[in-house]
């Protein structure tokens, strides 16, 4: 079992910045991909950004140039720096990870966090 705990959400004015953090803990042998998704009211969950253990990042077109994803492998932690926030960025942001558990190194599982609310409003 792997737990993901997000933090850093909140209310911010348009044009402002927030930094989300997510720490993975539990029965982890190795973490592969880490990332952030978001879900706005009445919409499907969508990819925001992902990052491999080697540091290769992928961004949604809607956030590229404004958001930056990073990770510290030794701490099983992923960050999302969000700048120039817009009202349409308002959503619940979910952390995600792919991992191999201790004792089953050849397996591949996914785990989601509980989500953190980001509201962009004046």
N, C-alpha and C. Protein backbone atom coordinates (compact mmCIF):
# COMPACT_ATOMS: atom_id res chain seq x y z
N UNK A 1 0.84 -1.19 0.00
CA UNK A 1 0.00 0.00 0.00
C UNK A 1 0.89 1.25 0.00
N UNK A 2 0.56 2.19 -0.88
CA UNK A 2 1.31 3.44 -0.98
C UNK A 2 0.36 4.59 -0.73
N UNK A 3 0.81 5.53 0.06
CA UNK A 3 0.02 6.72 0.35
C UNK A 3 0.67 7.93 -0.30
N UNK A 4 -0.16 8.77 -0.89
CA UNK A 4 0.29 10.04 -1.47
C UNK A 4 -0.42 11.16 -0.72
N UNK A 5 0.35 12.09 -0.21
CA UNK A 5 -0.22 13.21 0.55
C UNK A 5 0.16 14.50 -0.15
N UNK A 6 -0.88 15.22 -0.63
CA UNK A 6 -0.66 16.49 -1.30
C UNK A 6 -0.80 17.65 -0.31
N UNK A 7 -0.15 18.74 -0.63
CA UNK A 7 -0.29 19.97 0.14
C UNK A 7 0.01 21.17 -0.75
N UNK A 8 -0.39 22.35 -0.28
CA UNK A 8 -0.06 23.57 -1.00
C UNK A 8 -1.19 24.22 -1.76
N UNK A 9 -2.36 23.61 -1.77
CA UNK A 9 -3.48 24.22 -2.46
C UNK A 9 -4.01 25.42 -1.69
N UNK A 10 -4.96 26.13 -2.31
CA UNK A 10 -5.56 27.27 -1.64
C UNK A 10 -6.22 28.21 -2.61
N UNK A 11 -6.52 29.40 -2.10
CA UNK A 11 -7.16 30.45 -2.89
C UNK A 11 -6.10 31.47 -3.30
N UNK A 12 -6.09 31.82 -4.58
CA UNK A 12 -5.11 32.78 -5.09
C UNK A 12 -5.79 33.65 -6.14
N UNK A 13 -5.32 34.87 -6.26
CA UNK A 13 -5.87 35.78 -7.27
C UNK A 13 -5.30 35.46 -8.64
N UNK A 14 -6.03 35.81 -9.68
CA UNK A 14 -5.49 35.62 -11.04
C UNK A 14 -4.14 36.30 -11.19
N UNK A 15 -3.22 35.58 -11.83
CA UNK A 15 -1.86 36.07 -11.98
C UNK A 15 -0.93 35.65 -10.86
N UNK A 16 -1.48 35.07 -9.82
CA UNK A 16 -0.69 34.66 -8.68
C UNK A 16 -0.03 33.31 -8.88
N UNK A 17 0.63 32.84 -7.81
CA UNK A 17 1.39 31.58 -7.86
C UNK A 17 1.05 30.70 -6.67
N UNK A 18 1.18 29.42 -6.88
CA UNK A 18 1.08 28.42 -5.81
C UNK A 18 2.08 27.31 -6.11
N UNK A 19 2.50 26.63 -5.05
CA UNK A 19 3.38 25.47 -5.21
C UNK A 19 2.75 24.29 -4.51
N UNK A 20 2.46 23.25 -5.27
CA UNK A 20 1.92 22.02 -4.72
C UNK A 20 3.05 21.04 -4.44
N UNK A 21 2.88 20.27 -3.37
CA UNK A 21 3.83 19.22 -3.03
C UNK A 21 3.08 17.90 -2.83
N UNK A 22 3.76 16.81 -3.09
CA UNK A 22 3.17 15.49 -2.90
C UNK A 22 4.27 14.54 -2.46
N UNK A 23 4.05 13.88 -1.33
CA UNK A 23 5.01 12.93 -0.79
C UNK A 23 4.41 11.54 -0.83
N UNK A 24 5.17 10.59 -1.37
CA UNK A 24 4.76 9.19 -1.41
C UNK A 24 5.44 8.42 -0.29
N UNK A 25 4.66 7.56 0.37
CA UNK A 25 5.23 6.76 1.44
C UNK A 25 4.54 5.40 1.46
N UNK A 26 5.19 4.43 2.15
CA UNK A 26 4.60 3.12 2.27
C UNK A 26 5.48 2.04 1.68
N UNK A 27 4.86 1.03 1.13
CA UNK A 27 5.53 -0.15 0.63
C UNK A 27 6.12 0.10 -0.77
N UNK A 28 7.20 0.88 -0.82
CA UNK A 28 7.77 1.31 -2.10
C UNK A 28 9.15 0.72 -2.30
N UNK A 29 9.33 0.01 -3.41
CA UNK A 29 10.67 -0.40 -3.82
C UNK A 29 11.28 0.63 -4.75
N UNK A 30 10.47 1.04 -5.74
CA UNK A 30 10.94 2.04 -6.70
C UNK A 30 9.75 2.84 -7.23
N UNK A 31 9.95 4.13 -7.38
CA UNK A 31 8.93 4.97 -8.00
C UNK A 31 9.35 5.30 -9.41
N UNK A 32 8.45 5.15 -10.33
CA UNK A 32 8.72 5.46 -11.73
C UNK A 32 8.16 6.83 -12.05
N UNK A 33 7.06 6.88 -12.74
CA UNK A 33 6.47 8.16 -13.13
C UNK A 33 5.76 8.81 -11.93
N UNK A 34 5.87 10.13 -11.82
CA UNK A 34 5.07 10.90 -10.88
C UNK A 34 4.40 12.02 -11.67
N UNK A 35 3.25 12.45 -11.20
CA UNK A 35 2.58 13.49 -11.96
C UNK A 35 1.42 14.14 -11.24
N UNK A 36 0.84 15.09 -11.91
CA UNK A 36 -0.31 15.84 -11.41
C UNK A 36 -1.42 15.81 -12.44
N UNK A 37 -2.62 15.58 -11.95
CA UNK A 37 -3.83 15.67 -12.75
C UNK A 37 -4.77 16.64 -12.04
N UNK A 38 -5.78 17.09 -12.75
CA UNK A 38 -6.76 17.97 -12.11
C UNK A 38 -8.16 17.68 -12.63
N UNK A 39 -9.14 18.02 -11.80
CA UNK A 39 -10.53 17.82 -12.17
C UNK A 39 -11.33 19.03 -11.72
N UNK A 40 -11.89 19.72 -12.69
CA UNK A 40 -12.75 20.86 -12.41
C UNK A 40 -14.19 20.38 -12.29
N UNK A 41 -15.05 21.14 -11.63
CA UNK A 41 -16.46 20.73 -11.47
C UNK A 41 -17.11 20.47 -12.83
N UNK A 42 -17.75 19.31 -12.94
CA UNK A 42 -18.47 18.96 -14.15
C UNK A 42 -17.59 18.52 -15.31
N UNK A 43 -16.30 18.38 -15.07
CA UNK A 43 -15.38 17.96 -16.12
C UNK A 43 -14.64 16.69 -15.74
N UNK A 44 -14.06 16.05 -16.74
CA UNK A 44 -13.27 14.84 -16.49
C UNK A 44 -11.88 15.21 -15.96
N UNK A 45 -11.29 14.27 -15.25
CA UNK A 45 -9.93 14.45 -14.77
C UNK A 45 -8.99 14.53 -15.98
N UNK A 46 -8.06 15.47 -15.93
CA UNK A 46 -7.14 15.65 -17.04
C UNK A 46 -5.70 15.75 -16.56
N UNK A 47 -4.79 15.37 -17.44
CA UNK A 47 -3.38 15.44 -17.12
C UNK A 47 -2.92 16.89 -17.08
N UNK A 48 -2.11 17.21 -16.07
CA UNK A 48 -1.48 18.52 -16.00
C UNK A 48 -0.01 18.40 -16.40
N UNK A 49 0.71 17.51 -15.70
CA UNK A 49 2.13 17.32 -16.00
C UNK A 49 2.59 16.02 -15.38
N UNK A 50 3.56 15.38 -16.02
CA UNK A 50 4.20 14.19 -15.47
C UNK A 50 5.71 14.32 -15.59
N UNK A 51 6.42 13.55 -14.76
CA UNK A 51 7.88 13.58 -14.79
C UNK A 51 8.41 12.20 -14.49
N UNK A 52 9.39 11.76 -15.26
CA UNK A 52 10.01 10.46 -15.03
C UNK A 52 11.08 10.57 -13.94
N UNK A 53 11.58 9.41 -13.52
CA UNK A 53 12.64 9.41 -12.51
C UNK A 53 13.91 10.06 -13.05
N UNK A 54 14.05 10.10 -14.35
CA UNK A 54 15.21 10.74 -14.97
C UNK A 54 15.04 12.22 -15.19
N UNK A 55 13.83 12.74 -14.90
CA UNK A 55 13.59 14.17 -15.02
C UNK A 55 12.93 14.63 -16.30
N UNK A 56 12.52 13.72 -17.15
CA UNK A 56 11.82 14.11 -18.38
C UNK A 56 10.38 14.47 -18.06
N UNK A 57 9.96 15.66 -18.50
CA UNK A 57 8.64 16.17 -18.15
C UNK A 57 7.75 16.31 -19.38
N UNK A 58 6.47 16.14 -19.14
CA UNK A 58 5.44 16.34 -20.15
C UNK A 58 4.38 17.26 -19.56
N UNK A 59 3.91 18.21 -20.35
CA UNK A 59 2.93 19.18 -19.87
C UNK A 59 1.71 19.21 -20.78
N UNK A 60 0.56 19.50 -20.19
CA UNK A 60 -0.62 19.81 -20.99
C UNK A 60 -0.40 21.14 -21.70
N UNK A 61 -0.96 21.28 -22.87
CA UNK A 61 -0.80 22.52 -23.63
C UNK A 61 -1.29 23.73 -22.83
N UNK A 62 -2.32 23.54 -22.05
CA UNK A 62 -2.94 24.65 -21.32
C UNK A 62 -2.07 25.21 -20.21
N UNK A 63 -1.06 24.45 -19.77
CA UNK A 63 -0.22 24.92 -18.66
C UNK A 63 1.24 25.11 -19.05
N UNK A 64 1.60 24.67 -20.24
CA UNK A 64 3.01 24.75 -20.65
C UNK A 64 3.47 26.21 -20.65
N UNK A 65 4.62 26.44 -20.03
CA UNK A 65 5.16 27.79 -19.93
C UNK A 65 4.74 28.51 -18.66
N UNK A 66 3.74 27.99 -17.97
CA UNK A 66 3.29 28.61 -16.72
C UNK A 66 3.56 27.72 -15.51
N UNK A 67 3.45 26.41 -15.72
CA UNK A 67 3.65 25.44 -14.63
C UNK A 67 4.98 24.72 -14.83
N UNK A 68 5.61 24.34 -13.72
CA UNK A 68 6.84 23.56 -13.76
C UNK A 68 6.74 22.41 -12.78
N UNK A 69 6.96 21.20 -13.29
CA UNK A 69 6.97 20.02 -12.43
C UNK A 69 8.41 19.64 -12.12
N UNK A 70 8.64 19.19 -10.89
CA UNK A 70 9.97 18.75 -10.49
C UNK A 70 9.81 17.66 -9.44
N UNK A 71 10.90 16.95 -9.15
CA UNK A 71 10.83 15.89 -8.14
C UNK A 71 12.19 15.72 -7.48
N UNK A 72 12.13 15.19 -6.26
CA UNK A 72 13.33 14.81 -5.52
C UNK A 72 13.20 13.32 -5.27
N UNK A 73 13.92 12.53 -6.03
CA UNK A 73 13.77 11.08 -5.96
C UNK A 73 14.08 10.53 -4.57
N UNK A 74 15.08 11.06 -3.92
CA UNK A 74 15.48 10.56 -2.61
C UNK A 74 14.40 10.78 -1.56
N UNK A 75 13.49 11.71 -1.83
CA UNK A 75 12.42 12.02 -0.88
C UNK A 75 11.06 11.54 -1.37
N UNK A 76 11.04 10.85 -2.51
CA UNK A 76 9.76 10.39 -3.09
C UNK A 76 8.75 11.53 -3.16
N UNK A 77 9.23 12.67 -3.59
CA UNK A 77 8.41 13.89 -3.58
C UNK A 77 8.37 14.51 -4.97
N UNK A 78 7.18 14.98 -5.33
CA UNK A 78 7.00 15.70 -6.58
C UNK A 78 6.36 17.06 -6.27
N UNK A 79 6.76 18.06 -7.04
CA UNK A 79 6.27 19.42 -6.85
C UNK A 79 5.63 19.92 -8.15
N UNK A 80 4.73 20.87 -7.98
CA UNK A 80 4.17 21.57 -9.14
C UNK A 80 4.16 23.06 -8.82
N UNK A 81 5.05 23.80 -9.47
CA UNK A 81 5.09 25.25 -9.33
C UNK A 81 4.14 25.85 -10.36
N UNK A 82 3.14 26.57 -9.89
CA UNK A 82 2.12 27.13 -10.78
C UNK A 82 2.20 28.65 -10.74
N UNK A 83 2.54 29.23 -11.86
CA UNK A 83 2.65 30.68 -11.99
C UNK A 83 1.60 31.20 -12.97
N UNK A 84 1.37 32.50 -12.93
CA UNK A 84 0.40 33.15 -13.84
C UNK A 84 -0.92 32.40 -13.85
N UNK A 85 -1.43 32.11 -12.68
CA UNK A 85 -2.65 31.31 -12.57
C UNK A 85 -3.85 32.05 -13.14
N UNK A 86 -4.74 31.26 -13.74
CA UNK A 86 -5.94 31.78 -14.36
C UNK A 86 -7.17 31.16 -13.70
N UNK A 87 -8.32 31.81 -13.78
CA UNK A 87 -9.54 31.21 -13.19
C UNK A 87 -9.81 29.80 -13.72
N UNK A 88 -9.47 29.54 -14.98
CA UNK A 88 -9.72 28.22 -15.54
C UNK A 88 -8.77 27.14 -14.99
N UNK A 89 -7.80 27.54 -14.17
CA UNK A 89 -6.96 26.55 -13.49
C UNK A 89 -7.62 26.04 -12.21
N UNK A 90 -8.76 26.61 -11.85
CA UNK A 90 -9.47 26.18 -10.65
C UNK A 90 -9.90 24.73 -10.79
N UNK A 91 -9.50 23.91 -9.82
CA UNK A 91 -9.79 22.47 -9.87
C UNK A 91 -9.25 21.81 -8.61
N UNK A 92 -9.61 20.54 -8.44
CA UNK A 92 -8.94 19.72 -7.46
C UNK A 92 -7.75 19.08 -8.16
N UNK A 93 -6.57 19.23 -7.58
CA UNK A 93 -5.35 18.71 -8.16
C UNK A 93 -4.96 17.41 -7.44
N UNK A 94 -4.73 16.38 -8.24
CA UNK A 94 -4.41 15.05 -7.71
C UNK A 94 -2.99 14.67 -8.09
N UNK A 95 -2.30 14.12 -7.13
CA UNK A 95 -0.97 13.55 -7.36
C UNK A 95 -1.13 12.09 -7.78
N UNK A 96 -0.22 11.64 -8.63
CA UNK A 96 -0.26 10.25 -9.11
C UNK A 96 1.16 9.71 -9.18
N UNK A 97 1.30 8.41 -8.92
CA UNK A 97 2.60 7.78 -9.10
C UNK A 97 2.46 6.35 -9.58
N UNK A 98 3.41 5.91 -10.39
CA UNK A 98 3.60 4.51 -10.74
C UNK A 98 4.76 3.99 -9.90
N UNK A 99 4.61 2.77 -9.38
CA UNK A 99 5.66 2.28 -8.49
C UNK A 99 5.72 0.76 -8.51
N UNK A 100 6.85 0.24 -8.02
CA UNK A 100 6.99 -1.19 -7.76
C UNK A 100 7.07 -1.37 -6.26
N UNK A 101 6.31 -2.32 -5.70
CA UNK A 101 6.32 -2.48 -4.25
C UNK A 101 7.49 -3.34 -3.78
N UNK A 102 7.84 -3.19 -2.52
CA UNK A 102 8.84 -4.05 -1.89
C UNK A 102 8.34 -5.49 -1.94
N UNK A 103 9.23 -6.41 -2.33
CA UNK A 103 8.87 -7.81 -2.38
C UNK A 103 8.23 -8.25 -3.67
N UNK A 104 7.99 -7.31 -4.60
CA UNK A 104 7.36 -7.64 -5.88
C UNK A 104 7.90 -6.68 -6.92
N UNK A 105 9.22 -6.73 -7.10
CA UNK A 105 9.90 -5.68 -7.87
C UNK A 105 9.51 -5.64 -9.34
N UNK A 106 8.99 -6.75 -9.86
CA UNK A 106 8.65 -6.79 -11.28
C UNK A 106 7.23 -6.30 -11.54
N UNK A 107 6.49 -6.04 -10.49
CA UNK A 107 5.11 -5.57 -10.67
C UNK A 107 5.10 -4.06 -10.83
N UNK A 108 3.93 -3.57 -11.23
CA UNK A 108 3.78 -2.16 -11.59
C UNK A 108 2.39 -1.72 -11.17
N UNK A 109 2.36 -0.78 -10.22
CA UNK A 109 1.08 -0.33 -9.70
C UNK A 109 0.96 1.19 -9.83
N UNK A 110 -0.27 1.68 -9.72
CA UNK A 110 -0.52 3.10 -9.70
C UNK A 110 -1.24 3.49 -8.43
N UNK A 111 -1.01 4.73 -7.98
CA UNK A 111 -1.66 5.19 -6.77
C UNK A 111 -1.99 6.67 -6.91
N UNK A 112 -3.14 7.06 -6.34
CA UNK A 112 -3.61 8.44 -6.38
C UNK A 112 -3.64 9.05 -4.99
N UNK A 113 -3.41 10.35 -4.92
CA UNK A 113 -3.62 11.08 -3.69
C UNK A 113 -5.09 11.46 -3.54
N UNK A 114 -5.41 12.10 -2.42
CA UNK A 114 -6.79 12.49 -2.13
C UNK A 114 -7.18 13.78 -2.82
N UNK A 115 -6.20 14.55 -3.24
CA UNK A 115 -6.49 15.79 -3.94
C UNK A 115 -6.37 17.02 -3.06
N UNK A 116 -6.02 18.14 -3.68
CA UNK A 116 -5.95 19.42 -2.98
C UNK A 116 -6.63 20.47 -3.87
N UNK A 117 -7.45 21.30 -3.25
CA UNK A 117 -8.23 22.28 -3.99
C UNK A 117 -7.38 23.50 -4.33
N UNK A 118 -7.43 23.91 -5.59
CA UNK A 118 -6.82 25.16 -6.04
C UNK A 118 -7.94 26.02 -6.61
N UNK A 119 -8.10 27.21 -6.06
CA UNK A 119 -9.13 28.13 -6.52
C UNK A 119 -8.47 29.44 -6.94
N UNK A 120 -8.71 29.84 -8.18
CA UNK A 120 -8.14 31.09 -8.70
C UNK A 120 -9.30 32.05 -8.92
N UNK A 121 -9.35 33.07 -8.10
CA UNK A 121 -10.48 34.00 -8.14
C UNK A 121 -10.10 35.33 -7.52
N UNK A 122 -10.69 36.39 -8.03
CA UNK A 122 -10.46 37.70 -7.45
C UNK A 122 -11.55 38.04 -6.43
